[in-house]
PDB file of N, CA and C in Angstrom:
ATOM      1  N   MET A   1    -143.961  -5.922  21.992  1.00  0.00           N
ATOM      2  CA  MET A   1    -142.453  -6.144  22.010  1.00  0.00           C
ATOM      3  C   MET A   1    -141.576  -4.984  21.747  1.00  0.00           C
ATOM      4  N   GLY A   2    -140.532  -4.838  22.462  1.00  0.00           N
ATOM      5  CA  GLY A   2    -139.707  -3.547  22.248  1.00  0.00           C
ATOM      6  C   GLY A   2    -138.401  -3.557  21.417  1.00  0.00           C
ATOM      7  N   ASN A   3    -137.867  -2.644  21.564  1.00  0.00           N
ATOM      8  CA  ASN A   3    -136.673  -2.711  20.631  1.00  0.00           C
ATOM      9  C   ASN A   3    -135.534  -2.641  21.407  1.00  0.00           C
ATOM     10  N   TYR A   4    -134.651  -3.545  21.110  1.00  0.00           N
ATOM     11  CA  TYR A   4    -133.406  -3.799  22.059  1.00  0.00           C
ATOM     12  C   TYR A   4    -132.187  -2.902  21.493  1.00  0.00           C
ATOM     13  N   ARG A   5    -131.588  -2.371  22.652  1.00  0.00           N
ATOM     14  CA  ARG A   5    -130.134  -1.705  22.242  1.00  0.00           C
ATOM     15  C   ARG A   5    -129.233  -2.600  22.244  1.00  0.00           C
ATOM     16  N   VAL A   6    -128.451  -2.589  21.330  1.00  0.00           N
ATOM     17  CA  VAL A   6    -127.161  -3.365  21.093  1.00  0.00           C
ATOM     18  C   VAL A   6    -125.886  -2.604  21.071  1.00  0.00           C
ATOM     19  N   ALA A   7    -124.799  -2.980  21.822  1.00  0.00           N
ATOM     20  CA  ALA A   7    -123.584  -2.536  21.774  1.00  0.00           C
ATOM     21  C   ALA A   7    -122.662  -3.581  21.052  1.00  0.00           C
ATOM     22  N   ILE A   8    -121.509  -3.076  20.281  1.00  0.00           N
ATOM     23  CA  ILE A   8    -120.684  -4.200  19.429  1.00  0.00           C
ATOM     24  C   ILE A   8    -119.462  -3.748  20.083  1.00  0.00           C
ATOM     25  N   VAL A   9    -118.753  -4.924  20.624  1.00  0.00           N
ATOM     26  CA  VAL A   9    -117.416  -4.971  21.104  1.00  0.00           C
ATOM     27  C   VAL A   9    -116.484  -5.788  20.225  1.00  0.00           C
ATOM     28  N   GLY A  10    -115.657  -5.076  19.301  1.00  0.00           N
ATOM     29  CA  GLY A  10    -114.818  -5.554  18.367  1.00  0.00           C
ATOM     30  C   GLY A  10    -115.277  -4.981  17.052  1.00  0.00           C
ATOM     31  N   CYS A  11    -114.606  -4.159  16.441  1.00  0.00           N
ATOM     32  CA  CYS A  11    -115.131  -3.677  15.194  1.00  0.00           C
ATOM     33  C   CYS A  11    -114.253  -4.035  13.887  1.00  0.00           C
ATOM     34  N   GLY A  12    -113.838  -5.018  14.162  1.00  0.00           N
ATOM     35  CA  GLY A  12    -112.974  -5.572  12.855  1.00  0.00           C
ATOM     36  C   GLY A  12    -114.039  -6.406  12.002  1.00  0.00           C
ATOM     37  N   PRO A  13    -113.553  -7.242  11.129  1.00  0.00           N
ATOM     38  CA  PRO A  13    -114.493  -7.757   9.939  1.00  0.00           C
ATOM     39  C   PRO A  13    -115.640  -8.356  10.546  1.00  0.00           C
ATOM     40  N   ARG A  14    -115.459  -9.229  11.612  1.00  0.00           N
ATOM     41  CA  ARG A  14    -116.729 -10.218  12.201  1.00  0.00           C
ATOM     42  C   ARG A  14    -117.549  -9.084  12.880  1.00  0.00           C
ATOM     43  N   GLY A  15    -117.214  -8.202  13.693  1.00  0.00           N
ATOM     44  CA  GLY A  15    -118.032  -7.273  14.511  1.00  0.00           C
ATOM     45  C   GLY A  15    -118.845  -6.406  13.455  1.00  0.00           C
ATOM     46  N   SER A  16    -117.968  -6.054  12.419  1.00  0.00           N
ATOM     47  CA  SER A  16    -118.754  -5.227  11.403  1.00  0.00           C
ATOM     48  C   SER A  16    -119.746  -5.720  10.631  1.00  0.00           C
ATOM     49  N   ALA A  17    -119.817  -7.085  10.427  1.00  0.00           N
ATOM     50  CA  ALA A  17    -120.571  -7.805   9.736  1.00  0.00           C
ATOM     51  C   ALA A  17    -121.865  -8.355  10.661  1.00  0.00           C
ATOM     52  N   ILE A  18    -121.621  -8.599  12.123  1.00  0.00           N
ATOM     53  CA  ILE A  18    -122.423  -8.529  13.062  1.00  0.00           C
ATOM     54  C   ILE A  18    -123.291  -7.439  13.123  1.00  0.00           C
ATOM     55  N   SER A  19    -122.698  -6.211  13.127  1.00  0.00           N
ATOM     56  CA  SER A  19    -123.514  -4.968  13.476  1.00  0.00           C
ATOM     57  C   SER A  19    -124.271  -4.728  12.334  1.00  0.00           C
ATOM     58  N   LEU A  20    -124.042  -4.822  11.017  1.00  0.00           N
ATOM     59  CA  LEU A  20    -124.811  -4.557  10.193  1.00  0.00           C
ATOM     60  C   LEU A  20    -126.029  -5.505  10.138  1.00  0.00           C
ATOM     61  N   ALA A  21    -126.094  -6.746  10.499  1.00  0.00           N
ATOM     62  CA  ALA A  21    -127.068  -7.492  10.659  1.00  0.00           C
ATOM     63  C   ALA A  21    -128.003  -7.217  11.847  1.00  0.00           C
ATOM     64  N   TYR A  22    -127.487  -6.782  12.948  1.00  0.00           N
ATOM     65  CA  TYR A  22    -128.361  -6.127  13.956  1.00  0.00           C
ATOM     66  C   TYR A  22    -129.031  -4.858  13.439  1.00  0.00           C
ATOM     67  N   ALA A  23    -128.067  -4.126  12.955  1.00  0.00           N
ATOM     68  CA  ALA A  23    -128.703  -2.808  12.409  1.00  0.00           C
ATOM     69  C   ALA A  23    -130.057  -2.953  11.436  1.00  0.00           C
ATOM     70  N   ALA A  24    -129.901  -4.125  10.743  1.00  0.00           N
ATOM     71  CA  ALA A  24    -131.133  -4.337   9.683  1.00  0.00           C
ATOM     72  C   ALA A  24    -132.335  -5.077  10.476  1.00  0.00           C
ATOM     73  N   HIS A  25    -132.066  -5.494  11.639  1.00  0.00           N
ATOM     74  CA  HIS A  25    -133.197  -6.256  12.347  1.00  0.00           C
ATOM     75  C   HIS A  25    -134.161  -5.191  12.615  1.00  0.00           C
ATOM     76  N   PRO A  26    -135.370  -5.370  12.605  1.00  0.00           N
ATOM     77  CA  PRO A  26    -136.560  -4.296  12.952  1.00  0.00           C
ATOM     78  C   PRO A  26    -136.683  -4.262  14.495  1.00  0.00           C
ATOM     79  N   ARG A  27    -136.171  -5.235  15.339  1.00  0.00           N
ATOM     80  CA  ARG A  27    -136.366  -5.046  16.726  1.00  0.00           C
ATOM     81  C   ARG A  27    -135.081  -4.820  17.410  1.00  0.00           C
ATOM     82  N   THR A  28    -133.912  -4.306  16.721  1.00  0.00           N
ATOM     83  CA  THR A  28    -132.632  -4.087  17.448  1.00  0.00           C
ATOM     84  C   THR A  28    -132.007  -2.724  16.942  1.00  0.00           C
ATOM     85  N   THR A  29    -131.523  -2.055  17.651  1.00  0.00           N
ATOM     86  CA  THR A  29    -130.720  -0.613  17.360  1.00  0.00           C
ATOM     87  C   THR A  29    -129.392  -0.943  17.839  1.00  0.00           C
ATOM     88  N   VAL A  30    -128.543  -0.750  17.147  1.00  0.00           N
ATOM     89  CA  VAL A  30    -127.069  -0.574  17.425  1.00  0.00           C
ATOM     90  C   VAL A  30    -126.929   0.742  17.954  1.00  0.00           C
ATOM     91  N   VAL A  31    -126.311   0.952  19.402  1.00  0.00           N
ATOM     92  CA  VAL A  31    -126.231   2.155  19.844  1.00  0.00           C
ATOM     93  C   VAL A  31    -125.038   2.607  20.349  1.00  0.00           C
ATOM     94  N   ALA A  32    -123.831   1.491  19.993  1.00  0.00           N
ATOM     95  CA  ALA A  32    -122.640   2.080  20.343  1.00  0.00           C
ATOM     96  C   ALA A  32    -121.420   0.879  19.780  1.00  0.00           C
ATOM     97  N   VAL A  33    -120.353   1.324  19.464  1.00  0.00           N
ATOM     98  CA  VAL A  33    -119.186   0.450  19.311  1.00  0.00           C
ATOM     99  C   VAL A  33    -118.096   0.639  20.126  1.00  0.00           C
ATOM    100  N   CYS A  34    -117.374  -0.406  20.307  1.00  0.00           N
ATOM    101  CA  CYS A  34    -116.203  -0.394  21.208  1.00  0.00           C
ATOM    102  C   CYS A  34    -114.830  -1.264  20.449  1.00  0.00           C
ATOM    103  N   ASP A  35    -113.663  -0.618  20.541  1.00  0.00           N
ATOM    104  CA  ASP A  35    -112.576  -1.206  20.018  1.00  0.00           C
ATOM    105  C   ASP A  35    -111.355  -0.637  20.498  1.00  0.00           C
ATOM    106  N   LEU A  36    -110.383  -1.116  20.650  1.00  0.00           N
ATOM    107  CA  LEU A  36    -109.135  -0.642  21.192  1.00  0.00           C
ATOM    108  C   LEU A  36    -108.509   0.427  20.084  1.00  0.00           C
ATOM    109  N   ARG A  37    -108.795  -0.277  19.062  1.00  0.00           N
ATOM    110  CA  ARG A  37    -108.298   0.451  17.727  1.00  0.00           C
ATOM    111  C   ARG A  37    -109.154   1.496  17.230  1.00  0.00           C
ATOM    112  N   GLN A  38    -108.754   2.722  17.353  1.00  0.00           N
ATOM    113  CA  GLN A  38    -109.631   3.994  17.066  1.00  0.00           C
ATOM    114  C   GLN A  38    -110.001   3.923  15.592  1.00  0.00           C
ATOM    115  N   GLU A  39    -109.149   3.513  14.784  1.00  0.00           N
ATOM    116  CA  GLU A  39    -109.541   3.465  13.380  1.00  0.00           C
ATOM    117  C   GLU A  39    -110.625   2.653  13.221  1.00  0.00           C
ATOM    118  N   LEU A  40    -110.685   1.452  13.631  1.00  0.00           N
ATOM    119  CA  LEU A  40    -111.800   0.458  13.425  1.00  0.00           C
ATOM    120  C   LEU A  40    -113.052   0.997  13.819  1.00  0.00           C
ATOM    121  N   ARG A  41    -113.013   1.441  15.238  1.00  0.00           N
ATOM    122  CA  ARG A  41    -114.317   1.887  15.687  1.00  0.00           C
ATOM    123  C   ARG A  41    -114.793   3.184  15.304  1.00  0.00           C
ATOM    124  N   ASP A  42    -113.919   4.084  14.637  1.00  0.00           N
ATOM    125  CA  ASP A  42    -114.443   5.069  13.963  1.00  0.00           C
ATOM    126  C   ASP A  42    -114.854   4.950  12.487  1.00  0.00           C
ATOM    127  N   ARG A  43    -114.327   3.789  11.803  1.00  0.00           N
ATOM    128  CA  ARG A  43    -114.935   3.384  10.531  1.00  0.00           C
ATOM    129  C   ARG A  43    -116.246   2.737  10.715  1.00  0.00           C
ATOM    130  N   LEU A  44    -116.522   1.842  11.660  1.00  0.00           N
ATOM    131  CA  LEU A  44    -117.689   1.371  11.821  1.00  0.00           C
ATOM    132  C   LEU A  44    -118.716   2.303  12.506  1.00  0.00           C
ATOM    133  N   GLY A  45    -118.249   3.279  13.361  1.00  0.00           N
ATOM    134  CA  GLY A  45    -119.364   4.175  13.890  1.00  0.00           C
ATOM    135  C   GLY A  45    -119.635   5.152  12.832  1.00  0.00           C
ATOM    136  N   GLU A  46    -118.850   5.591  11.857  1.00  0.00           N
ATOM    137  CA  GLU A  46    -119.293   6.165  10.618  1.00  0.00           C
ATOM    138  C   GLU A  46    -120.398   5.379   9.664  1.00  0.00           C
ATOM    139  N   THR A  47    -119.969   4.009   9.554  1.00  0.00           N
ATOM    140  CA  THR A  47    -121.078   3.360   8.799  1.00  0.00           C
ATOM    141  C   THR A  47    -122.265   3.079   9.316  1.00  0.00           C
ATOM    142  N   LEU A  48    -122.426   3.247  10.663  1.00  0.00           N
ATOM    143  CA  LEU A  48    -123.716   3.034  11.427  1.00  0.00           C
ATOM    144  C   LEU A  48    -124.144   4.278  12.037  1.00  0.00           C
ATOM    145  N   ARG A  49    -123.543   5.399  11.586  1.00  0.00           N
ATOM    146  CA  ARG A  49    -123.776   6.898  12.053  1.00  0.00           C
ATOM    147  C   ARG A  49    -124.111   6.927  13.586  1.00  0.00           C
ATOM    148  N   LEU A  50    -123.079   6.417  14.328  1.00  0.00           N
ATOM    149  CA  LEU A  50    -123.023   6.380  15.879  1.00  0.00           C
ATOM    150  C   LEU A  50    -122.119   7.353  16.348  1.00  0.00           C
ATOM    151  N   SER A  51    -122.476   7.915  17.237  1.00  0.00           N
ATOM    152  CA  SER A  51    -121.726   9.064  18.213  1.00  0.00           C
ATOM    153  C   SER A  51    -121.061   8.278  19.166  1.00  0.00           C
ATOM    154  N   TYR A  52    -121.631   7.260  19.773  1.00  0.00           N
ATOM    155  CA  TYR A  52    -121.084   6.416  20.924  1.00  0.00           C
ATOM    156  C   TYR A  52    -120.088   5.433  20.251  1.00  0.00           C
ATOM    157  N   ARG A  53    -118.618   5.859  20.585  1.00  0.00           N
ATOM    158  CA  ARG A  53    -117.574   4.862  20.134  1.00  0.00           C
ATOM    159  C   ARG A  53    -116.631   4.985  21.377  1.00  0.00           C
ATOM    160  N   TYR A  54    -116.290   3.706  21.704  1.00  0.00           N
ATOM    161  CA  TYR A  54    -115.576   3.644  22.913  1.00  0.00           C
ATOM    162  C   TYR A  54    -114.094   2.763  22.682  1.00  0.00           C
ATOM    163  N   ALA A  55    -113.152   2.899  23.495  1.00  0.00           N
ATOM    164  CA  ALA A  55    -112.031   2.082  23.603  1.00  0.00           C
ATOM    165  C   ALA A  55    -112.134   1.207  24.896  1.00  0.00           C
ATOM    166  N   ASP A  56    -113.069   1.639  25.788  1.00  0.00           N
ATOM    167  CA  ASP A  56    -113.373   0.685  27.093  1.00  0.00           C
ATOM    168  C   ASP A  56    -114.753   0.331  27.292  1.00  0.00           C
ATOM    169  N   LEU A  57    -115.065  -0.787  27.329  1.00  0.00           N
ATOM    170  CA  LEU A  57    -116.295  -1.649  27.672  1.00  0.00           C
ATOM    171  C   LEU A  57    -117.018  -0.994  28.912  1.00  0.00           C
ATOM    172  N   ASP A  58    -116.252  -0.899  29.951  1.00  0.00           N
ATOM    173  CA  ASP A  58    -116.679  -0.222  31.269  1.00  0.00           C
ATOM    174  C   ASP A  58    -117.122   1.090  31.166  1.00  0.00           C
ATOM    175  N   GLU A  59    -116.775   1.949  30.276  1.00  0.00           N
ATOM    176  CA  GLU A  59    -117.101   3.251  30.048  1.00  0.00           C
ATOM    177  C   GLU A  59    -118.243   3.211  29.071  1.00  0.00           C
ATOM    178  N   MET A  60    -118.511   2.462  28.250  1.00  0.00           N
ATOM    179  CA  MET A  60    -119.373   2.351  27.172  1.00  0.00           C
ATOM    180  C   MET A  60    -120.822   2.032  27.660  1.00  0.00           C
ATOM    181  N   ILE A  61    -120.731   0.723  28.544  1.00  0.00           N
ATOM    182  CA  ILE A  61    -121.916   0.336  28.862  1.00  0.00           C
ATOM    183  C   ILE A  61    -122.811   1.234  29.859  1.00  0.00           C
ATOM    184  N   PRO A  62    -122.308   2.044  30.867  1.00  0.00           N
ATOM    185  CA  PRO A  62    -123.003   3.083  31.531  1.00  0.00           C
ATOM    186  C   PRO A  62    -123.602   4.218  30.749  1.00  0.00           C
ATOM    187  N   ALA A  63    -122.743   4.604  29.802  1.00  0.00           N
ATOM    188  CA  ALA A  63    -123.110   5.646  28.742  1.00  0.00           C
ATOM    189  C   ALA A  63    -123.992   5.430  27.724  1.00  0.00           C
ATOM    190  N   ALA A  64    -123.961   4.082  27.082  1.00  0.00           N
ATOM    191  CA  ALA A  64    -124.969   3.886  25.951  1.00  0.00           C
ATOM    192  C   ALA A  64    -126.034   3.100  26.327  1.00  0.00           C
ATOM    193  N   LYS A  65    -126.005   2.383  27.615  1.00  0.00           N
ATOM    194  CA  LYS A  65    -127.148   1.593  28.177  1.00  0.00           C
ATOM    195  C   LYS A  65    -127.737   0.629  27.168  1.00  0.00           C
ATOM    196  N   PRO A  66    -126.857  -0.219  26.751  1.00  0.00           N
ATOM    197  CA  PRO A  66    -127.321  -1.206  25.923  1.00  0.00           C
ATOM    198  C   PRO A  66    -127.971  -2.566  26.832  1.00  0.00           C
ATOM    199  N   ASP A  67    -129.188  -3.065  26.029  1.00  0.00           N
ATOM    200  CA  ASP A  67    -129.608  -4.254  26.627  1.00  0.00           C
ATOM    201  C   ASP A  67    -128.804  -5.461  26.285  1.00  0.00           C
ATOM    202  N   LEU A  68    -128.063  -5.385  25.260  1.00  0.00           N
ATOM    203  CA  LEU A  68    -127.220  -6.712  24.804  1.00  0.00           C
ATOM    204  C   LEU A  68    -125.689  -6.061  24.298  1.00  0.00           C
ATOM    205  N   VAL A  69    -124.802  -6.929  24.775  1.00  0.00           N
ATOM    206  CA  VAL A  69    -123.535  -6.534  24.386  1.00  0.00           C
ATOM    207  C   VAL A  69    -123.041  -7.712  23.483  1.00  0.00           C
ATOM    208  N   VAL A  70    -122.589  -7.643  22.187  1.00  0.00           N
ATOM    209  CA  VAL A  70    -122.003  -8.430  21.128  1.00  0.00           C
ATOM    210  C   VAL A  70    -120.598  -8.494  21.321  1.00  0.00           C
ATOM    211  N   ILE A  71    -120.020  -9.568  21.608  1.00  0.00           N
ATOM    212  CA  ILE A  71    -118.492  -9.655  21.756  1.00  0.00           C
ATOM    213  C   ILE A  71    -118.039 -10.293  20.618  1.00  0.00           C
ATOM    214  N   ALA A  72    -117.324  -9.519  19.716  1.00  0.00           N
ATOM    215  CA  ALA A  72    -116.987  -9.945  18.470  1.00  0.00           C
ATOM    216  C   ALA A  72    -115.476  -9.667  18.242  1.00  0.00           C
ATOM    217  N   THR A  73    -114.792 -10.194  19.412  1.00  0.00           N
ATOM    218  CA  THR A  73    -113.212 -10.098  19.367  1.00  0.00           C
ATOM    219  C   THR A  73    -112.600 -11.335  19.082  1.00  0.00           C
ATOM    220  N   GLY A  74    -111.408 -11.623  19.267  1.00  0.00           N
ATOM    221  CA  GLY A  74    -110.584 -12.754  19.216  1.00  0.00           C
ATOM    222  C   GLY A  74    -111.096 -13.605  20.256  1.00  0.00           C
ATOM    223  N   THR A  75    -111.112 -14.862  20.199  1.00  0.00           N
ATOM    224  CA  THR A  75    -111.760 -15.948  21.220  1.00  0.00           C
ATOM    225  C   THR A  75    -110.851 -15.693  22.539  1.00  0.00           C
ATOM    226  N   GLU A  76    -109.729 -15.409  22.447  1.00  0.00           N
ATOM    227  CA  GLU A  76    -108.890 -15.296  23.729  1.00  0.00           C
ATOM    228  C   GLU A  76    -109.189 -14.292  24.566  1.00  0.00           C
ATOM    229  N   PHE A  77    -110.079 -13.162  24.132  1.00  0.00           N
ATOM    230  CA  PHE A  77    -110.609 -12.168  24.925  1.00  0.00           C
ATOM    231  C   PHE A  77    -112.010 -12.396  25.417  1.00  0.00           C
ATOM    232  N   HIS A  78    -112.698 -13.614  24.765  1.00  0.00           N
ATOM    233  CA  HIS A  78    -114.114 -13.757  25.077  1.00  0.00           C
ATOM    234  C   HIS A  78    -114.423 -13.791  26.784  1.00  0.00           C
ATOM    235  N   HIS A  79    -113.709 -14.397  27.482  1.00  0.00           N
ATOM    236  CA  HIS A  79    -113.888 -14.801  28.873  1.00  0.00           C
ATOM    237  C   HIS A  79    -113.962 -13.513  29.633  1.00  0.00           C
ATOM    238  N   GLU A  80    -112.823 -12.692  29.602  1.00  0.00           N
ATOM    239  CA  GLU A  80    -112.768 -11.481  30.259  1.00  0.00           C
ATOM    240  C   GLU A  80    -113.807 -10.592  30.064  1.00  0.00           C
ATOM    241  N   LEU A  81    -113.998 -10.227  28.722  1.00  0.00           N
ATOM    242  CA  LEU A  81    -115.121  -9.249  28.141  1.00  0.00           C
ATOM    243  C   LEU A  81    -116.436  -9.784  28.574  1.00  0.00           C
ATOM    244  N   ALA A  82    -116.885 -10.968  28.594  1.00  0.00           N
ATOM    245  CA  ALA A  82    -118.073 -11.544  28.980  1.00  0.00           C
ATOM    246  C   ALA A  82    -118.368 -11.082  30.371  1.00  0.00           C
ATOM    247  N   LEU A  83    -117.526 -11.491  31.186  1.00  0.00           N
ATOM    248  CA  LEU A  83    -117.504 -11.280  32.710  1.00  0.00           C
ATOM    249  C   LEU A  83    -117.780  -9.867  33.114  1.00  0.00           C
ATOM    250  N   ARG A  84    -116.955  -9.097  32.334  1.00  0.00           N
ATOM    251  CA  ARG A  84    -117.216  -7.607  32.390  1.00  0.00           C
ATOM    252  C   ARG A  84    -118.366  -7.004  32.055  1.00  0.00           C
ATOM    253  N   ALA A  85    -118.797  -7.241  30.949  1.00  0.00           N
ATOM    254  CA  ALA A  85    -120.225  -7.279  30.370  1.00  0.00           C
ATOM    255  C   ALA A  85    -121.470  -7.635  31.520  1.00  0.00           C
ATOM    256  N   LEU A  86    -121.334  -8.876  31.930  1.00  0.00           N
ATOM    257  CA  LEU A  86    -122.322  -9.493  32.734  1.00  0.00           C
ATOM    258  C   LEU A  86    -122.322  -8.777  33.951  1.00  0.00           C
ATOM    259  N   ALA A  87    -121.145  -8.162  34.439  1.00  0.00           N
ATOM    260  CA  ALA A  87    -121.005  -7.494  35.894  1.00  0.00           C
ATOM    261  C   ALA A  87    -121.931  -6.297  35.744  1.00  0.00           C
ATOM    262  N   HIS A  88    -122.148  -5.713  34.532  1.00  0.00           N
ATOM    263  CA  HIS A  88    -122.863  -4.547  34.402  1.00  0.00           C
ATOM    264  C   HIS A  88    -124.371  -4.846  34.265  1.00  0.00           C
ATOM    265  N   GLY A  89    -124.718  -6.175  34.215  1.00  0.00           N
ATOM    266  CA  GLY A  89    -126.086  -6.536  34.441  1.00  0.00           C
ATOM    267  C   GLY A  89    -126.736  -6.459  32.835  1.00  0.00           C
ATOM    268  N   VAL A  90    -125.884  -6.816  31.693  1.00  0.00           N
ATOM    269  CA  VAL A  90    -126.450  -6.708  30.405  1.00  0.00           C
ATOM    270  C   VAL A  90    -126.339  -8.067  29.873  1.00  0.00           C
ATOM    271  N   HIS A  91    -127.028  -8.408  28.746  1.00  0.00           N
ATOM    272  CA  HIS A  91    -127.122  -9.726  28.197  1.00  0.00           C
ATOM    273  C   HIS A  91    -125.816  -9.847  27.396  1.00  0.00           C
ATOM    274  N   ILE A  92    -125.235 -10.768  27.008  1.00  0.00           N
ATOM    275  CA  ILE A  92    -124.151 -10.855  25.929  1.00  0.00           C
ATOM    276  C   ILE A  92    -124.560 -11.890  24.897  1.00  0.00           C
ATOM    277  N   ASP A  93    -123.836 -11.597  23.562  1.00  0.00           N
ATOM    278  CA  ASP A  93    -124.090 -12.415  22.373  1.00  0.00           C
ATOM    279  C   ASP A  93    -122.636 -12.871  22.035  1.00  0.00           C
ATOM    280  N   ILE A  94    -122.179 -14.089  22.216  1.00  0.00           N
ATOM    281  CA  ILE A  94    -120.768 -14.593  21.742  1.00  0.00           C
ATOM    282  C   ILE A  94    -121.184 -15.807  20.930  1.00  0.00           C
ATOM    283  N   GLU A  95    -120.593 -15.657  19.484  1.00  0.00           N
ATOM    284  CA  GLU A  95    -120.918 -16.884  18.754  1.00  0.00           C
ATOM    285  C   GLU A  95    -119.948 -17.910  18.789  1.00  0.00           C
ATOM    286  N   LYS A  96    -118.769 -17.746  19.637  1.00  0.00           N
ATOM    287  CA  LYS A  96    -117.879 -18.839  19.637  1.00  0.00           C
ATOM    288  C   LYS A  96    -117.719 -19.111  21.239  1.00  0.00           C
ATOM    289  N   PRO A  97    -117.091 -20.247  21.637  1.00  0.00           N
ATOM    290  CA  PRO A  97    -117.029 -20.813  23.041  1.00  0.00           C
ATOM    291  C   PRO A  97    -116.326 -19.691  23.692  1.00  0.00           C
ATOM    292  N   LEU A  98    -116.405 -19.725  24.974  1.00  0.00           N
ATOM    293  CA  LEU A  98    -115.570 -18.868  25.829  1.00  0.00           C
ATOM    294  C   LEU A  98    -114.291 -19.627  25.978  1.00  0.00           C
ATOM    295  N   THR A  99    -113.175 -18.764  26.253  1.00  0.00           N
ATOM    296  CA  THR A  99    -111.908 -19.392  26.397  1.00  0.00           C
ATOM    297  C   THR A  99    -111.213 -18.678  27.418  1.00  0.00           C
ATOM    298  N   THR A 100    -110.072 -19.322  27.963  1.00  0.00           N
ATOM    299  CA  THR A 100    -109.283 -18.603  28.960  1.00  0.00           C
ATOM    300  C   THR A 100    -107.838 -18.377  28.400  1.00  0.00           C
TER     301      THR A 100
END
């Protein structure tokens, strides 16, 4: 069994908590974070010691090459972000229902 590369979209409280869980799992490695707010992505990037920090999901995926994108944003953004991530051919993890 391999190690899965995980990228986090949304670096607020929920995304931070989720990223720490993925970072602690023996079969996953958090490789990138993404958030429109630089202070949030820099804080989480520092916590996880990541150099991949993005404001744009469509730039992050080809550069970081995650196997899985965790969407930890407000529910009103889930639908668009999920479709964008899926268009890149990566799996997604969303804990709340998709909304429009």
